[in-house]
C-alpha cells in the first residue's frame, strides 16, 4: 500500500509526515538517513496503533510503499511549512482519527507520569536536559499554541497551571470539542500568523506528530528516574 510522505528538510534535520497516518513521523539528521528509516517508522506506527486498538485505515494489506509527495526546504526561523496536502479540509473521520491518536499518546504519557513522585517528575538526567515536568509543560503550551493557529487573533500567552496533569487532560478535552465543531469554512480556511500559513489539517498533523515525538523521550526519562 502506498503512503505519501510530506518531507520537511531543516538545517541539521529531515522530517516526514503523512496526512493519511496522523501522528506518524520519521526524522533523522539527513534526508538520506530519514529515507532509509522511513518504512521502519511506518511499520512501528502500525504496531503502536494495534497496541492501542486504533484503526486509521479501513484496509491495510501489510505492504508499506512510501512515496515522496512533497519536499520543502525550511528556512531558519520558520515553525513549519504548509504543504499543498494541508489545504483540503479534513472530514469528520480524519479529525476523529487524529484525535484518537492524540488521546492515546496523552494517556500513555500521563500513565507513567502520574506513577512518579514530584521529585522524580522534576529530575533532570543531565544539566542541559529536560525533566518530565518540563516536557509536559512544553506539550501543554505547544498544544495551546497549535490550536490558537485556527483563531483570527491568537493569544500566545499560556498561563502556568497549578495542576499540570489535570490541565493537560482538561484542555485536551476542550480542543477535541473545538476541532470536531469546526464548520466547513473553518476546515478549509488558511490562517496566516506572522507570515506562516495554517490550516485545520496542518494543525492536526503537527499536533499529533509532536505528541508522539515526545512520548519515547519521556518514557526513557521515566524509566531512568523511576523506582
C-alpha atoms as a PDB file:
ATOM      1  CA  UNK A   1       0.000   0.000   0.000  1.00  0.00           C
ATOM      2  CA  UNK A   2       1.336   3.440  -0.874  1.00  0.00           C
ATOM      3  CA  UNK A   3       1.760   6.163   1.736  1.00  0.00           C
ATOM      4  CA  UNK A   4       2.557   9.719   0.701  1.00  0.00           C
ATOM      5  CA  UNK A   5       5.342  11.417   2.636  1.00  0.00           C
ATOM      6  CA  UNK A   6       5.385  15.155   3.320  1.00  0.00           C
ATOM      7  CA  UNK A   7       9.048  15.958   3.906  1.00  0.00           C
ATOM      8  CA  UNK A   8      10.394  18.944   5.805  1.00  0.00           C
ATOM      9  CA  UNK A   9      14.123  19.466   5.340  1.00  0.00           C
ATOM     10  CA  UNK A  10      15.504  21.610   8.163  1.00  0.00           C
ATOM     11  CA  UNK A  11      19.124  22.654   8.807  1.00  0.00           C
ATOM     12  CA  UNK A  12      20.515  19.567  10.541  1.00  0.00           C
ATOM     13  CA  UNK A  13      17.271  17.543  10.488  1.00  0.00           C
ATOM     14  CA  UNK A  14      14.888  15.996   7.989  1.00  0.00           C
ATOM     15  CA  UNK A  15      11.335  15.031   8.969  1.00  0.00           C
ATOM     16  CA  UNK A  16       8.452  13.277   7.229  1.00  0.00           C
ATOM     17  CA  UNK A  17       4.725  13.255   7.981  1.00  0.00           C
ATOM     18  CA  UNK A  18       1.754  11.515   6.367  1.00  0.00           C
ATOM     19  CA  UNK A  19      -1.672  13.090   6.144  1.00  0.00           C
ATOM     20  CA  UNK A  20      -3.377   9.699   5.976  1.00  0.00           C
ATOM     21  CA  UNK A  21      -1.438   8.463   9.029  1.00  0.00           C
ATOM     22  CA  UNK A  22      -1.998  11.007  11.838  1.00  0.00           C
ATOM     23  CA  UNK A  23       0.850  11.068  14.312  1.00  0.00           C
ATOM     24  CA  UNK A  24       3.180   9.044  12.094  1.00  0.00           C
ATOM     25  CA  UNK A  25       6.515  10.736  11.537  1.00  0.00           C
ATOM     26  CA  UNK A  26      10.147   9.968  10.853  1.00  0.00           C
ATOM     27  CA  UNK A  27      13.196  12.129  11.488  1.00  0.00           C
ATOM     28  CA  UNK A  28      16.951  11.905  11.047  1.00  0.00           C
ATOM     29  CA  UNK A  29      19.956  14.186  10.748  1.00  0.00           C
ATOM     30  CA  UNK A  30      19.963  13.940   6.953  1.00  0.00           C
ATOM     31  CA  UNK A  31      17.353  13.198   4.315  1.00  0.00           C
ATOM     32  CA  UNK A  32      19.325  10.140   3.214  1.00  0.00           C
ATOM     33  CA  UNK A  33      19.151   8.702   6.733  1.00  0.00           C
ATOM     34  CA  UNK A  34      15.483   9.611   7.042  1.00  0.00           C
ATOM     35  CA  UNK A  35      14.578   7.926   3.740  1.00  0.00           C
ATOM     36  CA  UNK A  36      16.422   4.782   4.856  1.00  0.00           C
ATOM     37  CA  UNK A  37      14.452   4.705   8.129  1.00  0.00           C
ATOM     38  CA  UNK A  38      11.034   5.842   6.965  1.00  0.00           C
ATOM     39  CA  UNK A  39       9.491   2.442   6.135  1.00  0.00           C
ATOM     40  CA  UNK A  40      10.525   1.156   9.553  1.00  0.00           C
ATOM     41  CA  UNK A  41       8.907   4.179  11.205  1.00  0.00           C
ATOM     42  CA  UNK A  42       5.637   3.490   9.382  1.00  0.00           C
ATOM     43  CA  UNK A  43       5.796  -0.166  10.441  1.00  0.00           C
ATOM     44  CA  UNK A  44       6.395   0.856  14.074  1.00  0.00           C
ATOM     45  CA  UNK A  45       3.464   3.260  13.805  1.00  0.00           C
ATOM     46  CA  UNK A  46       1.122   0.453  12.760  1.00  0.00           C
ATOM     47  CA  UNK A  47       2.380  -1.670  15.656  1.00  0.00           C
ATOM     48  CA  UNK A  48       1.614   1.209  18.012  1.00  0.00           C
ATOM     49  CA  UNK A  49      -1.872   1.573  16.517  1.00  0.00           C
ATOM     50  CA  UNK A  50      -2.530  -2.140  17.032  1.00  0.00           C
ATOM     51  CA  UNK A  51      -1.306  -1.987  20.639  1.00  0.00           C
ATOM     52  CA  UNK A  52      -3.645   0.917  21.324  1.00  0.00           C
ATOM     53  CA  UNK A  53      -6.567  -0.603  19.378  1.00  0.00           C
ATOM     54  CA  UNK A  54      -6.735   2.290  16.900  1.00  0.00           C
ATOM     55  CA  UNK A  55      -7.706   1.984  13.242  1.00  0.00           C
ATOM     56  CA  UNK A  56      -6.961   4.872  10.892  1.00  0.00           C
ATOM     57  CA  UNK A  57      -7.447   2.968   7.636  1.00  0.00           C
ATOM     58  CA  UNK A  58     -10.363   0.863   6.525  1.00  0.00           C
ATOM     59  CA  UNK A  59      -7.979  -1.601   4.876  1.00  0.00           C
ATOM     60  CA  UNK A  60      -4.227  -2.226   5.085  1.00  0.00           C
ATOM     61  CA  UNK A  61      -2.555  -5.044   3.177  1.00  0.00           C
ATOM     62  CA  UNK A  62       0.597  -5.012   5.300  1.00  0.00           C
ATOM     63  CA  UNK A  63       2.772  -3.740   2.445  1.00  0.00           C
ATOM     64  CA  UNK A  64       4.487  -0.388   3.078  1.00  0.00           C
ATOM     65  CA  UNK A  65       5.462   1.600  -0.018  1.00  0.00           C
ATOM     66  CA  UNK A  66       6.464   5.170   0.861  1.00  0.00           C
ATOM     67  CA  UNK A  67       6.191   7.732  -1.935  1.00  0.00           C
ATOM     68  CA  UNK A  68       7.601  11.254  -1.636  1.00  0.00           C
ATOM     69  CA  UNK A  69       4.648  13.566  -2.263  1.00  0.00           C
ATOM     70  CA  UNK A  70       6.090  16.948  -1.270  1.00  0.00           C
ATOM     71  CA  UNK A  71       9.561  18.054  -0.172  1.00  0.00           C
ATOM     72  CA  UNK A  72      10.052  21.514   1.337  1.00  0.00           C
ATOM     73  CA  UNK A  73      13.298  23.206   2.384  1.00  0.00           C
ATOM     74  CA  UNK A  74      12.541  25.026   5.647  1.00  0.00           C
ATOM     75  CA  UNK A  75      14.136  28.405   6.294  1.00  0.00           C
ATOM     76  CA  UNK A  76      15.621  29.310   9.653  1.00  0.00           C
ATOM     77  CA  UNK A  77      13.013  30.988  11.876  1.00  0.00           C
ATOM     78  CA  UNK A  78      10.004  29.209  10.329  1.00  0.00           C
ATOM     79  CA  UNK A  79       7.988  26.966  12.662  1.00  0.00           C
ATOM     80  CA  UNK A  80       6.738  24.601   9.970  1.00  0.00           C
ATOM     81  CA  UNK A  81       5.793  24.748   6.300  1.00  0.00           C
ATOM     82  CA  UNK A  82       2.320  24.447   4.881  1.00  0.00           C
ATOM     83  CA  UNK A  83       2.159  21.678   2.288  1.00  0.00           C
ATOM     84  CA  UNK A  84      -0.305  21.614  -0.592  1.00  0.00           C
ATOM     85  CA  UNK A  85      -1.592  18.437   1.068  1.00  0.00           C
ATOM     86  CA  UNK A  86      -2.598  20.569   4.074  1.00  0.00           C
ATOM     87  CA  UNK A  87      -5.159  22.520   2.017  1.00  0.00           C
ATOM     88  CA  UNK A  88      -8.047  20.045   1.543  1.00  0.00           C
ATOM     89  CA  UNK A  89     -10.355  20.293   4.565  1.00  0.00           C
ATOM     90  CA  UNK A  90     -10.376  17.279   6.906  1.00  0.00           C
ATOM     91  CA  UNK A  91     -13.661  15.409   7.151  1.00  0.00           C
ATOM     92  CA  UNK A  92     -15.146  14.082  10.393  1.00  0.00           C
ATOM     93  CA  UNK A  93     -13.411  10.704  10.043  1.00  0.00           C
ATOM     94  CA  UNK A  94      -9.977  12.278   9.592  1.00  0.00           C
ATOM     95  CA  UNK A  95     -10.474  14.531  12.612  1.00  0.00           C
ATOM     96  CA  UNK A  96     -11.645  11.563  14.701  1.00  0.00           C
ATOM     97  CA  UNK A  97      -8.603   9.509  13.661  1.00  0.00           C
ATOM     98  CA  UNK A  98      -6.179  12.281  14.587  1.00  0.00           C
ATOM     99  CA  UNK A  99      -7.889  12.942  17.906  1.00  0.00           C
ATOM    100  CA  UNK A 100      -7.893   9.223  18.773  1.00  0.00           C
ATOM    101  CA  UNK A 101      -4.156   9.046  18.120  1.00  0.00           C
ATOM    102  CA  UNK A 102      -3.555  12.194  20.170  1.00  0.00           C
ATOM    103  CA  UNK A 103      -5.714  10.940  23.051  1.00  0.00           C
ATOM    104  CA  UNK A 104      -3.867   7.614  23.192  1.00  0.00           C
ATOM    105  CA  UNK A 105      -0.487   9.362  23.198  1.00  0.00           C
ATOM    106  CA  UNK A 106      -1.580  11.686  26.018  1.00  0.00           C
ATOM    107  CA  UNK A 107      -2.998   8.798  28.051  1.00  0.00           C
ATOM    108  CA  UNK A 108       0.240   6.838  27.695  1.00  0.00           C
ATOM    109  CA  UNK A 109       2.277   9.849  28.811  1.00  0.00           C
ATOM    110  CA  UNK A 110       0.069  10.538  31.832  1.00  0.00           C
ATOM    111  CA  UNK A 111       0.033   6.862  32.798  1.00  0.00           C
ATOM    112  CA  UNK A 112       3.738   6.713  33.603  1.00  0.00           C
ATOM    113  CA  UNK A 113       3.973  10.390  34.634  1.00  0.00           C
ATOM    114  CA  UNK A 114       1.440  10.076  37.450  1.00  0.00           C
ATOM    115  CA  UNK A 115       3.167   6.993  38.866  1.00  0.00           C
ATOM    116  CA  UNK A 116       6.200   9.093  39.762  1.00  0.00           C
ATOM    117  CA  UNK A 117       6.762  11.389  42.712  1.00  0.00           C
ATOM    118  CA  UNK A 118       7.064  15.163  42.199  1.00  0.00           C
ATOM    119  CA  UNK A 119      10.797  14.838  42.822  1.00  0.00           C
ATOM    120  CA  UNK A 120      11.089  12.220  40.065  1.00  0.00           C
ATOM    121  CA  UNK A 121       8.908  14.249  37.700  1.00  0.00           C
ATOM    122  CA  UNK A 122      11.218  17.240  38.106  1.00  0.00           C
ATOM    123  CA  UNK A 123      14.520  15.370  37.988  1.00  0.00           C
ATOM    124  CA  UNK A 124      16.845  16.087  35.069  1.00  0.00           C
ATOM    125  CA  UNK A 125      19.130  13.362  33.792  1.00  0.00           C
ATOM    126  CA  UNK A 126      21.748  15.992  32.920  1.00  0.00           C
ATOM    127  CA  UNK A 127      22.062  19.747  33.465  1.00  0.00           C
ATOM    128  CA  UNK A 128      21.172  20.544  29.844  1.00  0.00           C
ATOM    129  CA  UNK A 129      18.238  18.110  29.541  1.00  0.00           C
ATOM    130  CA  UNK A 130      14.551  18.480  30.318  1.00  0.00           C
ATOM    131  CA  UNK A 131      12.742  16.844  33.191  1.00  0.00           C
ATOM    132  CA  UNK A 132       9.444  15.038  32.662  1.00  0.00           C
ATOM    133  CA  UNK A 133       7.613  18.030  34.135  1.00  0.00           C
ATOM    134  CA  UNK A 134       9.332  20.335  31.654  1.00  0.00           C
ATOM    135  CA  UNK A 135       8.389  18.033  28.767  1.00  0.00           C
ATOM    136  CA  UNK A 136       4.765  18.004  29.934  1.00  0.00           C
ATOM    137  CA  UNK A 137       4.717  21.787  30.364  1.00  0.00           C
ATOM    138  CA  UNK A 138       6.106  22.120  26.827  1.00  0.00           C
ATOM    139  CA  UNK A 139       3.398  19.819  25.440  1.00  0.00           C
ATOM    140  CA  UNK A 140       0.711  21.756  27.311  1.00  0.00           C
ATOM    141  CA  UNK A 141       1.926  25.093  25.951  1.00  0.00           C
ATOM    142  CA  UNK A 142       2.536  23.822  22.422  1.00  0.00           C
ATOM    143  CA  UNK A 143      -0.903  22.244  22.085  1.00  0.00           C
ATOM    144  CA  UNK A 144      -2.471  25.551  23.110  1.00  0.00           C
ATOM    145  CA  UNK A 145      -0.275  27.288  20.537  1.00  0.00           C
ATOM    146  CA  UNK A 146      -1.241  24.877  17.744  1.00  0.00           C
ATOM    147  CA  UNK A 147      -4.963  25.239  18.450  1.00  0.00           C
ATOM    148  CA  UNK A 148      -4.660  29.025  18.567  1.00  0.00           C
ATOM    149  CA  UNK A 149      -3.389  28.999  14.966  1.00  0.00           C
ATOM    150  CA  UNK A 150      -7.024  28.450  13.967  1.00  0.00           C
ATOM    151  CA  UNK A 151      -8.092  31.711  15.592  1.00  0.00           C
ATOM    152  CA  UNK A 152      -8.328  35.124  13.989  1.00  0.00           C
ATOM    153  CA  UNK A 153      -6.305  36.747  16.774  1.00  0.00           C
ATOM    154  CA  UNK A 154      -4.364  34.047  18.667  1.00  0.00           C
ATOM    155  CA  UNK A 155      -3.250  34.653  22.232  1.00  0.00           C
ATOM    156  CA  UNK A 156       0.204  33.185  22.745  1.00  0.00           C
ATOM    157  CA  UNK A 157       0.244  33.886  26.486  1.00  0.00           C
ATOM    158  CA  UNK A 158      -0.384  30.485  28.133  1.00  0.00           C
ATOM    159  CA  UNK A 159      -0.549  30.698  31.957  1.00  0.00           C
ATOM    160  CA  UNK A 160       1.212  28.044  34.012  1.00  0.00           C
ATOM    161  CA  UNK A 161      -1.476  25.841  35.640  1.00  0.00           C
ATOM    162  CA  UNK A 162      -1.329  24.865  39.311  1.00  0.00           C
ATOM    163  CA  UNK A 163      -2.122  21.229  38.438  1.00  0.00           C
ATOM    164  CA  UNK A 164      -0.288  20.470  35.198  1.00  0.00           C
ATOM    165  CA  UNK A 165      -1.571  16.918  34.678  1.00  0.00           C
ATOM    166  CA  UNK A 166      -5.200  17.932  35.203  1.00  0.00           C
ATOM    167  CA  UNK A 167      -4.826  20.955  32.935  1.00  0.00           C
ATOM    168  CA  UNK A 168      -3.127  18.863  30.245  1.00  0.00           C
ATOM    169  CA  UNK A 169      -6.068  16.439  30.248  1.00  0.00           C
ATOM    170  CA  UNK A 170      -8.841  19.031  30.585  1.00  0.00           C
ATOM    171  CA  UNK A 171      -7.510  21.286  27.835  1.00  0.00           C
ATOM    172  CA  UNK A 172      -7.257  18.304  25.511  1.00  0.00           C
ATOM    173  CA  UNK A 173     -10.977  17.697  26.001  1.00  0.00           C
ATOM    174  CA  UNK A 174     -11.648  21.326  25.099  1.00  0.00           C
ATOM    175  CA  UNK A 175      -9.525  21.014  21.961  1.00  0.00           C
ATOM    176  CA  UNK A 176     -11.380  17.885  20.888  1.00  0.00           C
ATOM    177  CA  UNK A 177     -14.714  19.669  21.148  1.00  0.00           C
ATOM    178  CA  UNK A 178     -13.366  22.676  19.256  1.00  0.00           C
ATOM    179  CA  UNK A 179     -11.854  20.651  16.413  1.00  0.00           C
ATOM    180  CA  UNK A 180     -14.908  18.444  15.968  1.00  0.00           C
ATOM    181  CA  UNK A 181     -17.138  21.531  15.888  1.00  0.00           C
ATOM    182  CA  UNK A 182     -15.223  23.270  13.085  1.00  0.00           C
ATOM    183  CA  UNK A 183     -17.616  24.240  10.317  1.00  0.00           C
ATOM    184  CA  UNK A 184     -16.688  23.567   6.659  1.00  0.00           C
ATOM    185  CA  UNK A 185     -15.458  27.130   6.104  1.00  0.00           C
ATOM    186  CA  UNK A 186     -13.129  26.886   9.106  1.00  0.00           C
ATOM    187  CA  UNK A 187     -11.799  23.493   7.999  1.00  0.00           C
ATOM    188  CA  UNK A 188     -10.707  24.803   4.604  1.00  0.00           C
ATOM    189  CA  UNK A 189      -9.602  28.284   5.639  1.00  0.00           C
ATOM    190  CA  UNK A 190      -5.928  29.280   5.531  1.00  0.00           C
ATOM    191  CA  UNK A 191      -4.973  31.337   8.599  1.00  0.00           C
ATOM    192  CA  UNK A 192      -1.845  33.467   8.392  1.00  0.00           C
ATOM    193  CA  UNK A 193       0.070  34.352  11.552  1.00  0.00           C
ATOM    194  CA  UNK A 194       3.498  36.010  11.473  1.00  0.00           C
ATOM    195  CA  UNK A 195       3.748  35.166   7.789  1.00  0.00           C
ATOM    196  CA  UNK A 196       3.111  31.439   8.361  1.00  0.00           C
ATOM    197  CA  UNK A 197       0.123  29.621   6.883  1.00  0.00           C
ATOM    198  CA  UNK A 198      -2.019  27.281   8.977  1.00  0.00           C
ATOM    199  CA  UNK A 199      -4.992  25.071   8.170  1.00  0.00           C
ATOM    200  CA  UNK A 200      -7.016  22.616  10.230  1.00  0.00           C
ATOM    201  CA  UNK A 201      -5.222  19.727   8.519  1.00  0.00           C
ATOM    202  CA  UNK A 202      -1.813  21.215   9.310  1.00  0.00           C
ATOM    203  CA  UNK A 203      -2.726  21.717  12.968  1.00  0.00           C
ATOM    204  CA  UNK A 204      -3.833  18.092  13.250  1.00  0.00           C
ATOM    205  CA  UNK A 205      -0.641  16.900  11.536  1.00  0.00           C
ATOM    206  CA  UNK A 206       1.704  18.952  13.671  1.00  0.00           C
ATOM    207  CA  UNK A 207      -0.089  18.393  16.988  1.00  0.00           C
ATOM    208  CA  UNK A 208      -0.385  14.603  16.736  1.00  0.00           C
ATOM    209  CA  UNK A 209       3.162  14.245  15.429  1.00  0.00           C
ATOM    210  CA  UNK A 210       4.513  16.400  18.249  1.00  0.00           C
ATOM    211  CA  UNK A 211       2.809  14.298  20.920  1.00  0.00           C
ATOM    212  CA  UNK A 212       4.138  11.033  19.521  1.00  0.00           C
ATOM    213  CA  UNK A 213       7.588  12.567  19.071  1.00  0.00           C
ATOM    214  CA  UNK A 214       7.845  13.396  22.779  1.00  0.00           C
ATOM    215  CA  UNK A 215       6.416  10.113  24.076  1.00  0.00           C
ATOM    216  CA  UNK A 216       9.547   7.920  23.643  1.00  0.00           C
ATOM    217  CA  UNK A 217      11.776  10.631  25.101  1.00  0.00           C
ATOM    218  CA  UNK A 218       9.541  10.920  28.160  1.00  0.00           C
ATOM    219  CA  UNK A 219       9.217   7.147  28.532  1.00  0.00           C
ATOM    220  CA  UNK A 220      13.011   6.851  28.568  1.00  0.00           C
ATOM    221  CA  UNK A 221      13.285   9.527  31.265  1.00  0.00           C
ATOM    222  CA  UNK A 222      10.550   7.856  33.327  1.00  0.00           C
ATOM    223  CA  UNK A 223      12.426   4.550  33.260  1.00  0.00           C
ATOM    224  CA  UNK A 224      15.628   6.285  34.344  1.00  0.00           C
ATOM    225  CA  UNK A 225      14.149   8.261  37.261  1.00  0.00           C
ATOM    226  CA  UNK A 226      11.567   5.693  38.358  1.00  0.00           C
ATOM    227  CA  UNK A 227      11.954   3.024  41.035  1.00  0.00           C
END
